[in-house]
Amino acid sequence: PFDLRGYYMGQYRDKSSHVVMAEYR
């Protein structure tokens, strides 16, 4: 709920995860 909203929590998991995002408010 604090980054890629749209994926179930824990739906994707591994030893390494990276995220890039941009948001207009």
PDB file of all heavy atoms in Angstrom:
ATOM      1  N   PRO A   1       0.805  -1.228   0.000  1.00  0.00           N
ATOM      2  CA  PRO A   1       0.000   0.000   0.000  1.00  0.00           C
ATOM      3  C   PRO A   1       0.836   1.275   0.000  1.00  0.00           C
ATOM      4  O   PRO A   1       0.286   2.370  -0.155  1.00  0.00           O
ATOM      5  CB  PRO A   1      -0.805  -0.114   1.303  1.00  0.00           C
ATOM      6  CG  PRO A   1      -0.851  -1.564   1.602  1.00  0.00           C
ATOM      7  CD  PRO A   1       0.470  -2.096   1.145  1.00  0.00           C
ATOM      8  N   PHE A   2       2.170   1.149   0.129  1.00  0.00           N
ATOM      9  CA  PHE A   2       3.029   2.322   0.204  1.00  0.00           C
ATOM     10  C   PHE A   2       3.936   2.469  -1.019  1.00  0.00           C
ATOM     11  O   PHE A   2       4.820   3.304  -1.037  1.00  0.00           O
ATOM     12  CB  PHE A   2       3.870   2.267   1.486  1.00  0.00           C
ATOM     13  CG  PHE A   2       3.019   2.163   2.725  1.00  0.00           C
ATOM     14  CD1 PHE A   2       2.825   0.944   3.340  1.00  0.00           C
ATOM     15  CD2 PHE A   2       2.386   3.283   3.241  1.00  0.00           C
ATOM     16  CE1 PHE A   2       2.022   0.835   4.467  1.00  0.00           C
ATOM     17  CE2 PHE A   2       1.584   3.188   4.359  1.00  0.00           C
ATOM     18  CZ  PHE A   2       1.393   1.968   4.987  1.00  0.00           C
ATOM     19  N   ASP A   3       3.729   1.635  -2.035  1.00  0.00           N
ATOM     20  CA  ASP A   3       4.487   1.823  -3.282  1.00  0.00           C
ATOM     21  C   ASP A   3       3.629   1.410  -4.474  1.00  0.00           C
ATOM     22  O   ASP A   3       2.806   2.197  -4.942  1.00  0.00           O
ATOM     23  CB  ASP A   3       5.845   1.103  -3.250  1.00  0.00           C
ATOM     24  CG  ASP A   3       5.766  -0.333  -2.740  1.00  0.00           C
ATOM     25  OD1 ASP A   3       5.053  -1.133  -3.354  1.00  0.00           O
ATOM     26  OD2 ASP A   3       6.439  -0.644  -1.743  1.00  0.00           O
ATOM     27  N   LEU A   4       3.797   0.189  -4.994  1.00  0.00           N
ATOM     28  CA  LEU A   4       3.068  -0.233  -6.194  1.00  0.00           C
ATOM     29  C   LEU A   4       1.659  -0.694  -5.817  1.00  0.00           C
ATOM     30  O   LEU A   4       1.386  -1.890  -5.696  1.00  0.00           O
ATOM     31  CB  LEU A   4       3.827  -1.355  -6.902  1.00  0.00           C
ATOM     32  CG  LEU A   4       5.231  -1.034  -7.408  1.00  0.00           C
ATOM     33  CD1 LEU A   4       5.797  -2.235  -8.155  1.00  0.00           C
ATOM     34  CD2 LEU A   4       5.235   0.197  -8.306  1.00  0.00           C
ATOM     35  N   ARG A   5       0.755   0.257  -5.670  1.00  0.00           N
ATOM     36  CA  ARG A   5      -0.627  -0.073  -5.343  1.00  0.00           C
ATOM     37  C   ARG A   5      -1.304  -0.697  -6.572  1.00  0.00           C
ATOM     38  O   ARG A   5      -1.306  -0.114  -7.644  1.00  0.00           O
ATOM     39  CB  ARG A   5      -1.359   1.193  -4.908  1.00  0.00           C
ATOM     40  CG  ARG A   5      -0.950   1.711  -3.533  1.00  0.00           C
ATOM     41  CD  ARG A   5      -0.957   3.216  -3.444  1.00  0.00           C
ATOM     42  NE  ARG A   5       0.200   3.793  -4.100  1.00  0.00           N
ATOM     43  CZ  ARG A   5       0.368   5.105  -4.289  1.00  0.00           C
ATOM     44  NH1 ARG A   5      -0.558   5.960  -3.889  1.00  0.00           N
ATOM     45  NH2 ARG A   5       1.457   5.551  -4.888  1.00  0.00           N
ATOM     46  N   GLY A   6      -1.866  -1.869  -6.386  1.00  0.00           N
ATOM     47  CA  GLY A   6      -2.450  -2.626  -7.483  1.00  0.00           C
ATOM     48  C   GLY A   6      -2.029  -4.081  -7.453  1.00  0.00           C
ATOM     49  O   GLY A   6      -2.660  -4.933  -8.083  1.00  0.00           O
ATOM     50  N   TYR A   7      -0.960  -4.371  -6.697  1.00  0.00           N
ATOM     51  CA  TYR A   7      -0.478  -5.737  -6.507  1.00  0.00           C
ATOM     52  C   TYR A   7      -0.837  -6.191  -5.090  1.00  0.00           C
ATOM     53  O   TYR A   7      -0.682  -5.438  -4.138  1.00  0.00           O
ATOM     54  CB  TYR A   7       1.039  -5.808  -6.707  1.00  0.00           C
ATOM     55  CG  TYR A   7       1.470  -5.541  -8.128  1.00  0.00           C
ATOM     56  CD1 TYR A   7       1.646  -4.238  -8.589  1.00  0.00           C
ATOM     57  CD2 TYR A   7       1.695  -6.588  -9.015  1.00  0.00           C
ATOM     58  CE1 TYR A   7       2.028  -3.980  -9.897  1.00  0.00           C
ATOM     59  CE2 TYR A   7       2.082  -6.345 -10.324  1.00  0.00           C
ATOM     60  CZ  TYR A   7       2.245  -5.036 -10.762  1.00  0.00           C
ATOM     61  OH  TYR A   7       2.622  -4.789 -12.058  1.00  0.00           O
ATOM     62  N   TYR A   8      -1.308  -7.420  -4.971  1.00  0.00           N
ATOM     63  CA  TYR A   8      -1.603  -7.955  -3.649  1.00  0.00           C
ATOM     64  C   TYR A   8      -0.340  -7.956  -2.795  1.00  0.00           C
ATOM     65  O   TYR A   8       0.757  -8.229  -3.289  1.00  0.00           O
ATOM     66  CB  TYR A   8      -2.143  -9.384  -3.746  1.00  0.00           C
ATOM     67  CG  TYR A   8      -3.567  -9.488  -4.244  1.00  0.00           C
ATOM     68  CD1 TYR A   8      -3.837 -10.049  -5.492  1.00  0.00           C
ATOM     69  CD2 TYR A   8      -4.631  -9.032  -3.476  1.00  0.00           C
ATOM     70  CE1 TYR A   8      -5.143 -10.164  -5.957  1.00  0.00           C
ATOM     71  CE2 TYR A   8      -5.939  -9.145  -3.931  1.00  0.00           C
ATOM     72  CZ  TYR A   8      -6.190  -9.700  -5.174  1.00  0.00           C
ATOM     73  OH  TYR A   8      -7.474  -9.795  -5.639  1.00  0.00           O
ATOM     74  N   MET A   9      -0.508  -7.675  -1.505  1.00  0.00           N
ATOM     75  CA  MET A   9       0.618  -7.707  -0.581  1.00  0.00           C
ATOM     76  C   MET A   9       1.235  -9.107  -0.570  1.00  0.00           C
ATOM     77  O   MET A   9       0.550 -10.096  -0.301  1.00  0.00           O
ATOM     78  CB  MET A   9       0.149  -7.343   0.829  1.00  0.00           C
ATOM     79  CG  MET A   9       1.229  -7.413   1.881  1.00  0.00           C
ATOM     80  SD  MET A   9       2.314  -5.975   1.879  1.00  0.00           S
ATOM     81  CE  MET A   9       1.339  -4.851   2.856  1.00  0.00           C
ATOM     82  N   GLY A  10       2.519  -9.182  -0.897  1.00  0.00           N
ATOM     83  CA  GLY A  10       3.199 -10.471  -0.918  1.00  0.00           C
ATOM     84  C   GLY A  10       2.995 -11.268  -2.192  1.00  0.00           C
ATOM     85  O   GLY A  10       3.479 -12.400  -2.301  1.00  0.00           O
ATOM     86  N   GLN A  11       2.287 -10.690  -3.161  1.00  0.00           N
ATOM     87  CA  GLN A  11       2.064 -11.423  -4.411  1.00  0.00           C
ATOM     88  C   GLN A  11       3.373 -11.663  -5.149  1.00  0.00           C
ATOM     89  O   GLN A  11       3.534 -12.687  -5.826  1.00  0.00           O
ATOM     90  CB  GLN A  11       1.087 -10.642  -5.296  1.00  0.00           C
ATOM     91  CG  GLN A  11       0.686 -11.371  -6.567  1.00  0.00           C
ATOM     92  CD  GLN A  11      -0.403 -10.629  -7.335  1.00  0.00           C
ATOM     93  OE1 GLN A  11      -0.797  -9.529  -6.965  1.00  0.00           O
ATOM     94  NE2 GLN A  11      -0.885 -11.230  -8.404  1.00  0.00           N
ATOM     95  N   TYR A  12       4.307 -10.727  -5.022  1.00  0.00           N
ATOM     96  CA  TYR A  12       5.630 -10.881  -5.627  1.00  0.00           C
ATOM     97  C   TYR A  12       6.690 -10.721  -4.543  1.00  0.00           C
ATOM     98  O   TYR A  12       6.747  -9.682  -3.875  1.00  0.00           O
ATOM     99  CB  TYR A  12       5.830  -9.848  -6.742  1.00  0.00           C
ATOM    100  CG  TYR A  12       5.002 -10.154  -7.964  1.00  0.00           C
ATOM    101  CD1 TYR A  12       3.704  -9.679  -8.082  1.00  0.00           C
ATOM    102  CD2 TYR A  12       5.514 -10.951  -8.984  1.00  0.00           C
ATOM    103  CE1 TYR A  12       2.928  -9.977  -9.205  1.00  0.00           C
ATOM    104  CE2 TYR A  12       4.756 -11.259 -10.102  1.00  0.00           C
ATOM    105  CZ  TYR A  12       3.462 -10.774 -10.202  1.00  0.00           C
ATOM    106  OH  TYR A  12       2.706 -11.084 -11.314  1.00  0.00           O
ATOM    107  N   ARG A  13       7.489 -11.754  -4.366  1.00  0.00           N
ATOM    108  CA  ARG A  13       8.530 -11.706  -3.337  1.00  0.00           C
ATOM    109  C   ARG A  13       9.763 -12.461  -3.819  1.00  0.00           C
ATOM    110  O   ARG A  13       9.675 -13.475  -4.520  1.00  0.00           O
ATOM    111  CB  ARG A  13       8.030 -12.272  -2.001  1.00  0.00           C
ATOM    112  CG  ARG A  13       7.798 -13.760  -1.970  1.00  0.00           C
ATOM    113  CD  ARG A  13       7.354 -14.222  -0.593  1.00  0.00           C
ATOM    114  NE  ARG A  13       5.979 -13.851  -0.309  1.00  0.00           N
ATOM    115  CZ  ARG A  13       5.453 -13.778   0.919  1.00  0.00           C
ATOM    116  NH1 ARG A  13       6.207 -14.040   1.967  1.00  0.00           N
ATOM    117  NH2 ARG A  13       4.188 -13.461   1.094  1.00  0.00           N
ATOM    118  N   ASP A  14      10.923 -11.919  -3.451  1.00  0.00           N
ATOM    119  CA  ASP A  14      12.193 -12.557  -3.764  1.00  0.00           C
ATOM    120  C   ASP A  14      13.237 -11.938  -2.838  1.00  0.00           C
ATOM    121  O   ASP A  14      12.899 -11.160  -1.939  1.00  0.00           O
ATOM    122  CB  ASP A  14      12.563 -12.381  -5.235  1.00  0.00           C
ATOM    123  CG  ASP A  14      13.385 -13.553  -5.780  1.00  0.00           C
ATOM    124  OD1 ASP A  14      14.166 -14.133  -4.993  1.00  0.00           O
ATOM    125  OD2 ASP A  14      13.252 -13.874  -6.975  1.00  0.00           O
ATOM    126  N   LYS A  15      14.505 -12.231  -3.069  1.00  0.00           N
ATOM    127  CA  LYS A  15      15.538 -11.678  -2.199  1.00  0.00           C
ATOM    128  C   LYS A  15      15.908 -10.242  -2.561  1.00  0.00           C
ATOM    129  O   LYS A  15      16.609  -9.576  -1.794  1.00  0.00           O
ATOM    130  CB  LYS A  15      16.781 -12.570  -2.231  1.00  0.00           C
ATOM    131  CG  LYS A  15      16.604 -13.887  -1.482  1.00  0.00           C
ATOM    132  CD  LYS A  15      17.921 -14.619  -1.318  1.00  0.00           C
ATOM    133  CE  LYS A  15      17.767 -15.842  -0.407  1.00  0.00           C
ATOM    134  NZ  LYS A  15      19.054 -16.535  -0.184  1.00  0.00           N
ATOM    135  N   SER A  16      15.464  -9.773  -3.712  1.00  0.00           N
ATOM    136  CA  SER A  16      15.803  -8.409  -4.126  1.00  0.00           C
ATOM    137  C   SER A  16      14.607  -7.763  -4.815  1.00  0.00           C
ATOM    138  O   SER A  16      14.000  -8.358  -5.710  1.00  0.00           O
ATOM    139  CB  SER A  16      17.013  -8.436  -5.062  1.00  0.00           C
ATOM    140  OG  SER A  16      17.506  -7.134  -5.284  1.00  0.00           O
ATOM    141  N   SER A  17      14.273  -6.539  -4.381  1.00  0.00           N
ATOM    142  CA  SER A  17      13.128  -5.817  -4.939  1.00  0.00           C
ATOM    143  C   SER A  17      13.503  -4.351  -5.118  1.00  0.00           C
ATOM    144  O   SER A  17      14.093  -3.730  -4.221  1.00  0.00           O
ATOM    145  CB  SER A  17      11.919  -5.944  -3.996  1.00  0.00           C
ATOM    146  OG  SER A  17      10.910  -5.025  -4.329  1.00  0.00           O
ATOM    147  N   HIS A  18      13.151  -3.783  -6.275  1.00  0.00           N
ATOM    148  CA  HIS A  18      13.453  -2.380  -6.565  1.00  0.00           C
ATOM    149  C   HIS A  18      12.200  -1.705  -7.130  1.00  0.00           C
ATOM    150  O   HIS A  18      11.463  -2.321  -7.915  1.00  0.00           O
ATOM    151  CB  HIS A  18      14.600  -2.253  -7.573  1.00  0.00           C
ATOM    152  CG  HIS A  18      15.690  -3.263  -7.379  1.00  0.00           C
ATOM    153  ND1 HIS A  18      16.590  -3.196  -6.333  1.00  0.00           N
ATOM    154  CD2 HIS A  18      16.011  -4.379  -8.076  1.00  0.00           C
ATOM    155  CE1 HIS A  18      17.429  -4.219  -6.410  1.00  0.00           C
ATOM    156  NE2 HIS A  18      17.090  -4.960  -7.457  1.00  0.00           N
ATOM    157  N   VAL A  19      11.986  -0.439  -6.762  1.00  0.00           N
ATOM    158  CA  VAL A  19      10.799   0.300  -7.199  1.00  0.00           C
ATOM    159  C   VAL A  19      11.197   1.716  -7.593  1.00  0.00           C
ATOM    160  O   VAL A  19      11.991   2.366  -6.898  1.00  0.00           O
ATOM    161  CB  VAL A  19       9.735   0.362  -6.077  1.00  0.00           C
ATOM    162  CG1 VAL A  19       8.618   1.334  -6.434  1.00  0.00           C
ATOM    163  CG2 VAL A  19       9.152  -1.015  -5.816  1.00  0.00           C
ATOM    164  N   VAL A  20      10.651   2.212  -8.706  1.00  0.00           N
ATOM    165  CA  VAL A  20      10.754   3.625  -9.080  1.00  0.00           C
ATOM    166  C   VAL A  20       9.335   4.116  -9.361  1.00  0.00           C
ATOM    167  O   VAL A  20       8.548   3.419 -10.016  1.00  0.00           O
ATOM    168  CB  VAL A  20      11.663   3.856 -10.306  1.00  0.00           C
ATOM    169  CG1 VAL A  20      13.105   3.583  -9.963  1.00  0.00           C
ATOM    170  CG2 VAL A  20      11.225   3.005 -11.487  1.00  0.00           C
ATOM    171  N   MET A  21       9.015   5.314  -8.861  1.00  0.00           N
ATOM    172  CA  MET A  21       7.669   5.853  -9.011  1.00  0.00           C
ATOM    173  C   MET A  21       7.701   7.367  -9.085  1.00  0.00           C
ATOM    174  O   MET A  21       8.585   8.015  -8.524  1.00  0.00           O
ATOM    175  CB  MET A  21       6.781   5.459  -7.810  1.00  0.00           C
ATOM    176  CG  MET A  21       6.447   4.008  -7.687  1.00  0.00           C
ATOM    177  SD  MET A  21       5.309   3.747  -6.309  1.00  0.00           S
ATOM    178  CE  MET A  21       3.883   4.649  -6.915  1.00  0.00           C
ATOM    179  N   ALA A  22       6.688   7.934  -9.753  1.00  0.00           N
ATOM    180  CA  ALA A  22       6.456   9.377  -9.759  1.00  0.00           C
ATOM    181  C   ALA A  22       4.971   9.609  -9.519  1.00  0.00           C
ATOM    182  O   ALA A  22       4.125   8.881 -10.072  1.00  0.00           O
ATOM    183  CB  ALA A  22       6.893  10.012 -11.073  1.00  0.00           C
ATOM    184  N   GLU A  23       4.648  10.609  -8.697  1.00  0.00           N
ATOM    185  CA  GLU A  23       3.255  10.861  -8.330  1.00  0.00           C
ATOM    186  C   GLU A  23       2.973  12.360  -8.321  1.00  0.00           C
ATOM    187  O   GLU A  23       3.717  13.138  -7.713  1.00  0.00           O
ATOM    188  CB  GLU A  23       2.964  10.256  -6.954  1.00  0.00           C
ATOM    189  CG  GLU A  23       1.527  10.409  -6.489  1.00  0.00           C
ATOM    190  CD  GLU A  23       1.217   9.545  -5.269  1.00  0.00           C
ATOM    191  OE1 GLU A  23       1.235   8.301  -5.408  1.00  0.00           O
ATOM    192  OE2 GLU A  23       0.969  10.107  -4.180  1.00  0.00           O
ATOM    193  N   TYR A  24       1.893  12.769  -8.999  1.00  0.00           N
ATOM    194  CA  TYR A  24       1.458  14.167  -8.993  1.00  0.00           C
ATOM    195  C   TYR A  24       0.318  14.308  -7.985  1.00  0.00           C
ATOM    196  O   TYR A  24      -0.653  13.541  -8.019  1.00  0.00           O
ATOM    197  CB  TYR A  24       0.981  14.599 -10.377  1.00  0.00           C
ATOM    198  CG  TYR A  24       0.436  16.013 -10.399  1.00  0.00           C
ATOM    199  CD1 TYR A  24       1.295  17.106 -10.327  1.00  0.00           C
ATOM    200  CD2 TYR A  24      -0.932  16.250 -10.475  1.00  0.00           C
ATOM    201  CE1 TYR A  24       0.797  18.403 -10.329  1.00  0.00           C
ATOM    202  CE2 TYR A  24      -1.436  17.535 -10.479  1.00  0.00           C
ATOM    203  CZ  TYR A  24      -0.560  18.611 -10.408  1.00  0.00           C
ATOM    204  OH  TYR A  24      -1.054  19.891 -10.403  1.00  0.00           O
ATOM    205  N   ARG A  25       0.426  15.310  -7.103  1.00  0.00           N
ATOM    206  CA  ARG A  25      -0.566  15.535  -6.054  1.00  0.00           C
ATOM    207  C   ARG A  25      -1.077  16.969  -6.120  1.00  0.00           C
ATOM    208  O   ARG A  25      -0.282  17.900  -6.235  1.00  0.00           O
ATOM    209  CB  ARG A  25       0.046  15.274  -4.673  1.00  0.00           C
ATOM    210  CG  ARG A  25       0.655  13.889  -4.518  1.00  0.00           C
ATOM    211  CD  ARG A  25       1.493  13.758  -3.265  1.00  0.00           C
ATOM    212  NE  ARG A  25       2.085  12.425  -3.158  1.00  0.00           N
ATOM    213  CZ  ARG A  25       3.006  12.095  -2.258  1.00  0.00           C
ATOM    214  NH1 ARG A  25       3.454  12.999  -1.387  1.00  0.00           N
ATOM    215  NH2 ARG A  25       3.492  10.863  -2.233  1.00  0.00           N
TER     216      ARG A  25
END
